[in-house]
Protein backbone atom coordinates (compact mmCIF):
# COMPACT_ATOMS: atom_id res chain seq x y z
CA MET A 1 0.00 0.00 0.00
CA ARG A 2 1.12 3.54 -0.73
CA ALA A 3 0.67 6.52 1.57
CA ILE A 4 0.14 9.97 0.06
CA ILE A 5 1.29 12.70 2.45
CA PRO A 6 0.95 16.42 1.61
CA VAL A 7 3.59 18.43 3.53
CA ALA A 8 3.68 21.65 1.49
CA GLY A 9 1.91 24.08 3.83
CA PHE A 10 3.64 27.24 5.05
CA GLY A 11 2.44 26.85 8.65
CA SER A 12 1.72 30.56 8.93
CA ARG A 13 -0.08 30.17 12.28
CA LEU A 14 3.10 28.71 13.78
CA ARG A 15 5.42 31.52 12.84
CA PRO A 16 8.16 32.40 13.71
CA HIS A 17 9.05 28.69 14.09
CA THR A 18 8.06 27.86 10.51
CA HIS A 19 10.28 30.55 9.02
CA THR A 20 13.15 28.08 9.36
CA ILE A 21 11.52 24.67 9.93
CA PRO A 22 8.66 23.07 7.99
CA LYS A 23 5.60 22.67 10.18
CA VAL A 24 5.71 18.89 9.84
CA LEU A 25 9.22 18.79 11.36
CA LEU A 26 8.35 20.65 14.56
CA ASN A 27 9.14 18.57 17.63
CA VAL A 28 6.37 17.09 19.76
CA ALA A 29 7.08 14.53 22.48
CA GLY A 30 10.62 13.90 21.31
CA LYS A 31 10.32 13.65 17.54
CA PRO A 32 8.97 15.62 14.57
CA ILE A 33 5.23 15.55 13.84
CA LEU A 34 5.97 13.71 10.60
CA GLY A 35 8.01 11.11 12.49
CA HIS A 36 5.02 10.16 14.64
CA ILE A 37 2.91 9.76 11.49
CA LEU A 38 5.48 7.68 9.61
CA ASP A 39 6.09 5.43 12.61
CA LYS A 40 2.36 4.71 12.68
CA LEU A 41 2.15 4.03 8.94
CA THR A 42 5.21 1.79 8.73
CA ALA A 43 3.99 -0.17 11.75
CA GLU A 44 0.78 -0.85 9.82
CA GLY A 45 2.74 -2.32 6.91
CA ILE A 46 2.82 0.63 4.52
CA THR A 47 6.03 0.34 2.49
CA LYS A 48 5.69 3.17 -0.07
CA ALA A 49 4.97 6.86 0.33
CA THR A 50 4.62 9.93 -1.86
CA PHE A 51 5.35 13.31 -0.27
CA ILE A 52 4.07 16.53 -1.84
CA TYR A 53 6.42 19.21 -0.55
CA GLY A 54 6.78 22.97 -0.80
CA HIS A 55 8.20 25.43 1.74
CA LEU A 56 11.63 24.23 2.97
CA GLY A 57 10.97 20.91 1.28
CA GLU A 58 14.63 19.93 1.18
CA LEU A 59 14.52 19.54 4.97
CA VAL A 60 11.57 17.15 4.67
CA ILE A 61 13.41 15.11 2.04
CA ASP A 62 16.53 14.91 4.21
CA TYR A 63 14.55 13.87 7.28
CA VAL A 64 12.59 11.12 5.53
CA THR A 65 15.50 9.63 3.59
CA ASN A 66 17.83 9.67 6.60
CA ASN A 67 15.37 8.24 9.11
CA TYR A 68 13.24 5.86 7.01
CA PRO A 69 15.66 4.23 4.57
CA LEU A 70 13.44 1.16 4.10
CA LEU A 71 10.47 3.24 2.96
CA GLN A 72 10.17 3.47 -0.82
CA THR A 73 9.66 7.20 -1.40
CA ASP A 74 8.70 9.67 -4.09
CA PHE A 75 8.90 13.44 -3.62
CA ILE A 76 6.77 15.82 -5.69
CA GLU A 77 7.07 19.61 -5.48
CA GLN A 78 3.95 21.77 -5.23
CA SER A 79 5.20 25.19 -6.32
CA GLU A 80 1.76 26.84 -6.12
CA MET A 81 -0.67 26.34 -3.25
CA LYS A 82 -3.92 25.64 -5.11
CA GLY A 83 -5.57 23.33 -2.59
CA LEU A 84 -5.42 19.77 -1.31
CA GLY A 85 -6.96 18.39 -4.49
CA HIS A 86 -4.19 19.99 -6.52
CA ALA A 87 -1.54 18.54 -4.20
CA ILE A 88 -2.88 14.99 -4.59
CA TYR A 89 -3.29 15.53 -8.34
CA LEU A 90 0.43 16.31 -8.63
CA ALA A 91 1.19 12.93 -7.05
CA LYS A 92 -1.03 10.92 -9.41
CA GLU A 93 1.89 9.73 -11.52
CA THR A 94 3.01 7.68 -8.51
CA PHE A 95 -0.40 5.96 -8.30
CA ASP A 96 -1.14 2.62 -9.85
CA ASP A 97 -3.85 0.05 -9.12
CA GLU A 98 -2.71 -0.38 -5.53
CA GLU A 99 -4.55 0.84 -2.47
CA LEU A 100 -3.88 4.36 -1.21
CA PHE A 101 -3.95 5.94 2.22
CA ILE A 102 -3.95 9.74 2.21
CA THR A 103 -3.08 11.50 5.45
CA LEU A 104 -2.19 15.11 6.17
CA GLY A 105 1.39 15.65 7.28
CA ASP A 106 0.51 17.94 10.20
CA THR A 107 -2.16 15.88 11.96
CA ILE A 108 -1.37 13.05 14.36
CA PHE A 109 -4.04 10.38 14.69
CA ASP A 110 -4.78 7.41 16.93
CA VAL A 111 -6.73 4.90 14.84
CA ASN A 112 -6.52 1.14 14.38
CA LEU A 113 -5.65 1.24 10.69
CA ALA A 114 -5.34 -2.53 10.34
CA SER A 115 -9.05 -2.96 11.06
CA ILE A 116 -9.83 -0.51 8.24
CA PHE A 117 -7.37 -1.89 5.70
CA ASP A 118 -8.48 -5.49 6.33
CA LYS A 119 -12.01 -4.73 5.10
CA LYS A 120 -10.73 -3.68 1.66
CA LYS A 121 -13.49 -1.06 1.40
CA SER A 122 -12.75 2.56 0.64
CA SER A 123 -13.41 4.57 3.79
CA LEU A 124 -13.00 8.12 5.05
CA GLY A 125 -12.25 9.08 8.64
CA ILE A 126 -14.90 11.25 10.33
CA LYS A 127 -15.37 12.96 13.67
CA GLU A 128 -18.33 14.91 15.04
CA VAL A 129 -17.38 18.56 15.55
CA LYS A 130 -19.16 21.63 16.91
CA ASP A 131 -18.23 23.91 14.01
CA PRO A 132 -18.32 22.00 10.69
CA SER A 133 -17.90 25.17 8.63
CA ARG A 134 -14.09 24.75 8.81
CA PHE A 135 -14.14 21.23 7.33
CA GLY A 136 -15.42 19.05 4.58
CA VAL A 137 -18.44 17.17 5.94
CA ALA A 138 -20.16 13.89 5.09
CA LEU A 139 -23.87 13.14 4.73
CA LEU A 140 -24.53 9.45 5.43
CA LYS A 141 -27.13 6.81 4.77
CA ASP A 142 -26.59 3.40 6.42
CA ASN A 143 -22.96 4.31 7.09
CA ILE A 144 -22.38 4.99 3.38
CA ILE A 145 -21.50 8.48 2.19
CA GLU A 146 -24.23 9.99 0.03
CA LYS A 147 -22.68 13.44 -0.34
CA LEU A 148 -19.57 15.41 0.61
CA ILE A 149 -19.67 19.17 1.11
CA GLU A 150 -16.61 21.36 1.57
CA LYS A 151 -16.85 23.94 4.39
CA PRO A 152 -20.65 24.31 4.46
CA GLN A 153 -21.99 27.69 5.58
CA THR A 154 -25.25 26.20 6.81
CA MET A 155 -25.59 23.24 9.18
CA VAL A 156 -26.00 20.13 7.05
CA SER A 157 -23.84 17.69 9.03
CA LYS A 158 -21.53 17.69 12.05
CA LEU A 159 -19.50 14.78 10.67
CA ALA A 160 -16.21 16.35 9.61
CA LEU A 161 -13.61 14.73 7.38
CA VAL A 162 -10.44 14.67 9.45
CA GLY A 163 -7.86 14.09 6.71
CA LEU A 164 -7.68 10.28 6.65
CA TYR A 165 -8.67 8.69 3.33
CA TYR A 166 -8.38 4.98 2.49
CA ILE A 167 -9.02 4.42 -1.23
CA THR A 168 -8.85 1.08 -3.00
CA ASN A 169 -9.14 2.47 -6.55
CA GLY A 170 -6.24 4.83 -7.14
CA LYS A 171 -6.88 5.01 -10.89
CA LEU A 172 -10.42 6.33 -10.47
CA LEU A 173 -9.18 8.90 -7.96
CA ALA A 174 -6.51 10.05 -10.44
CA ASP A 175 -9.14 10.34 -13.21
CA CYS A 176 -11.45 12.44 -11.01
CA LEU A 177 -8.60 14.67 -9.83
CA SER A 178 -7.58 15.23 -13.46
CA TYR A 179 -11.16 16.20 -14.32
CA ILE A 180 -11.45 18.89 -11.62
CA VAL A 181 -7.98 20.29 -12.38
CA GLU A 182 -8.39 20.34 -16.16
CA ASN A 183 -11.83 21.97 -15.82
CA ASP A 184 -10.65 24.29 -13.01
CA ILE A 185 -13.49 23.22 -10.70
CA ARG A 186 -12.91 25.13 -7.46
CA THR A 187 -14.67 25.43 -4.13
CA LYS A 188 -13.76 28.30 -1.79
CA GLY A 189 -11.21 29.33 -4.40
CA GLU A 190 -9.25 26.05 -4.28
CA LEU A 191 -9.04 22.71 -6.06
CA GLN A 192 -10.50 20.46 -3.39
CA LEU A 193 -9.92 16.77 -2.77
CA THR A 194 -13.50 16.68 -1.46
CA ASP A 195 -14.80 17.58 -4.94
CA ALA A 196 -12.80 14.76 -6.55
CA LEU A 197 -14.16 12.28 -3.99
CA GLN A 198 -17.69 13.54 -4.65
CA LEU A 199 -17.13 12.99 -8.37
CA MET A 200 -16.12 9.39 -7.58
CA ILE A 201 -19.43 9.00 -5.69
CA ASP A 202 -21.33 10.51 -8.63
CA ARG A 203 -19.74 7.88 -10.85
CA GLY A 204 -21.07 5.11 -8.62
CA TYR A 205 -18.13 4.59 -6.27
CA GLN A 206 -18.92 3.81 -2.64
CA PHE A 207 -17.26 5.20 0.46
CA ASN A 208 -17.73 3.86 3.95
CA VAL A 209 -16.70 5.82 7.04
CA PHE A 210 -14.75 5.05 10.19
CA PRO A 211 -14.82 7.05 13.44
CA VAL A 212 -11.70 8.93 14.53
CA ASP A 213 -11.69 9.84 18.20
CA GLY A 214 -7.94 10.35 18.51
CA TRP A 215 -7.23 13.25 16.16
CA TYR A 216 -4.61 15.81 17.12
CA ASP A 217 -4.09 18.94 15.08
CA CYS A 218 -0.67 20.62 15.17
CA GLY A 219 -1.56 23.75 13.24
CA LYS A 220 -1.46 26.38 16.05
CA PRO A 221 0.73 26.90 19.14
CA GLU A 222 -2.04 25.89 21.54
CA THR A 223 -2.93 22.72 19.61
CA LEU A 224 0.75 21.83 19.21
CA LEU A 225 1.10 21.95 23.00
CA GLU A 226 -2.10 19.91 23.43
CA THR A 227 -0.76 17.25 21.07
CA ASN A 228 2.57 17.25 22.90
CA ARG A 229 0.70 16.64 26.18
CA PHE A 230 -1.34 13.75 24.72
CA LEU A 231 1.68 12.00 23.21
CA LEU A 232 3.68 12.34 26.41
CA GLU A 233 0.81 10.83 28.40
CA GLN A 234 0.74 7.86 26.01
CA SER A 235 4.49 7.29 25.89
CA GLY A 236 5.16 5.90 29.37
CA TYR A 237 8.62 7.51 29.16
CA LYS A 238 10.39 7.96 32.51
CA PHE A 239 13.37 10.19 33.30
CA LYS A 240 15.45 10.53 36.45
CA ARG A 241 18.61 12.55 37.09
CA ASP A 242 20.28 14.01 40.15
CA GLY A 243 19.55 17.69 40.60
CA VAL A 244 16.38 17.54 38.52
CA ILE A 245 12.81 17.24 39.82
CA VAL A 246 10.62 15.68 37.15
CA ASN A 247 6.85 15.90 37.10
CA HIS A 248 5.83 13.36 34.48
CA PRO A 249 4.85 13.14 31.71
CA VAL A 250 7.94 14.59 30.05
CA PHE A 251 10.44 13.79 27.32
CA ILE A 252 14.04 14.84 27.93
CA HIS A 253 16.65 14.05 25.30
CA SER A 254 19.61 12.10 26.67
CA SER A 255 22.05 14.81 25.53
CA ALA A 256 20.22 17.65 27.32
CA ARG A 257 22.18 19.24 30.18
CA ILE A 258 19.96 20.06 33.12
CA ASN A 259 20.96 21.37 36.52
CA ASN A 260 18.89 22.56 39.47
CA ALA A 261 15.59 22.51 37.61
CA ILE A 262 11.99 21.39 37.82
CA ILE A 263 10.75 19.92 34.53
CA GLY A 264 7.14 19.13 33.76
CA PRO A 265 4.49 18.16 33.56
CA ASN A 266 3.77 18.01 29.81
CA THR A 267 7.21 19.18 28.71
CA THR A 268 9.59 18.18 25.91
CA ILE A 269 13.28 19.07 26.13
CA GLY A 270 15.21 18.71 22.87
CA GLU A 271 18.67 17.47 21.96
CA ASP A 272 21.62 19.38 23.48
CA ALA A 273 19.35 21.81 25.32
CA VAL A 274 20.80 23.51 28.41
CA ILE A 275 18.49 24.12 31.39
CA GLU A 276 19.81 25.71 34.60
CA ASN A 277 18.00 27.14 37.63
CA ALA A 278 14.65 26.95 35.88
CA ILE A 279 11.10 25.68 36.19
CA ILE A 280 9.51 24.58 32.91
CA MET A 281 5.92 23.35 32.53
CA ASN A 282 3.70 22.48 29.56
CA SER A 283 6.32 23.58 27.05
CA ILE A 284 8.43 22.43 24.13
CA ILE A 285 12.12 23.39 24.25
CA GLY A 286 14.00 23.02 20.97
CA ALA A 287 17.36 21.44 20.22
CA GLY A 288 20.32 23.43 21.48
CA ALA A 289 18.14 25.95 23.30
CA GLU A 290 19.41 27.53 26.52
CA ILE A 291 17.08 28.41 29.41
CA LYS A 292 18.58 29.88 32.60
CA ASN A 293 17.09 31.51 35.70
CA ASP A 294 13.53 31.43 34.42
CA LEU A 295 10.04 30.13 35.09
CA MET A 296 8.42 29.06 31.85
CA GLN A 297 4.93 27.77 31.10
CA ASP A 298 2.84 27.17 27.95
CA SER A 299 5.82 28.06 25.76
CA ILE A 300 7.45 26.89 22.52
CA ILE A 301 11.14 27.73 22.29
CA GLY A 302 12.90 27.30 18.96
CA ASN A 303 16.17 25.52 18.27
CA LYS A 304 19.35 27.27 19.50
CA SER A 305 17.40 30.04 21.21
CA SER A 306 18.69 31.55 24.45
CA ILE A 307 16.55 32.88 27.29
CA ILE A 308 18.29 34.21 30.39
CA GLY A 309 15.87 35.36 33.07
CA ALA A 310 16.26 36.94 36.48
CA PHE A 311 14.62 35.87 39.71
CA LYS A 312 13.05 38.72 41.66
CA ARG A 313 13.70 39.82 45.25
CA LEU A 314 10.62 41.36 46.90
CA ASN A 315 9.88 43.03 50.23
CA ILE A 316 6.14 43.72 50.48
CA GLY A 317 3.69 44.62 53.21
CA ASP A 318 0.27 43.29 54.21
CA SER A 319 -2.68 43.02 51.80
CA THR A 320 -0.48 43.50 48.75
CA GLU A 321 -1.18 41.93 45.38
CA ILE A 322 1.55 41.81 42.73
CA GLU A 323 1.50 40.25 39.24
CA ILE A 324 4.86 39.81 37.51
CA PHE A 325 4.97 38.88 33.81
């Protein structure tokens, strides 16, 4: 089976981090977002993958080829951001009659894929959401998709497509993608994968659905930290070192240098980071970063950054209230 993984987004909501690192390579719970996804896919027996890259794509190529040498890979550049349908269309030359699994490169998921693949029935992952206007949604009859609508402005369904697509007929998908691209069929100004899937349905193809409860977006700082927390809770990783108080769950790279610090909970410390006289909670500290004399919470610190704080000395009287930021 081949995985199709779009990784071309700019990650504008995660700037300034994504000025120098592709969003999919940001560290959560000890490894890049893309690493968590590829570990899941290779564990499920996927041996081939096509990556559609864009911004800082050479870093994605280096990461995949260096860390997953047994994965048969193709890399396709998307020079213009015209939508998810356009991205998958660019990869169609790597399709054949084999099964496909499309997953977004910035979303970590917790799904038993084997149970889906074993059925050999094309299926799309769905999750009930409060605000379906930000998603493609599915209208069902007897667990079969009757219609797909991209970002509806009126409430027609709360069942959102979460970016997991198992398709057994790659040739038909390629034909439908070619049709919407060649005829410039756009929704919300973009060439949508949802429209190509709807065209497959119109041509008599059937899609089942599968529920996705574990779905973790990494598109914004707050959701990146939430995903970091979830993965740390699942990892069972334990760390102990003299001079360090650890409130699990945490991930601390073995090369990190930590002295007189309290780490955690929900904190990732990257490779070669230096932490001294600090308290760090619910944060992600990048590789080579230096944190000294500081209390840090709900923070994302980039690679090789340096933050030197200063502890305060106070002498205050009764009934005083002070907030220090």
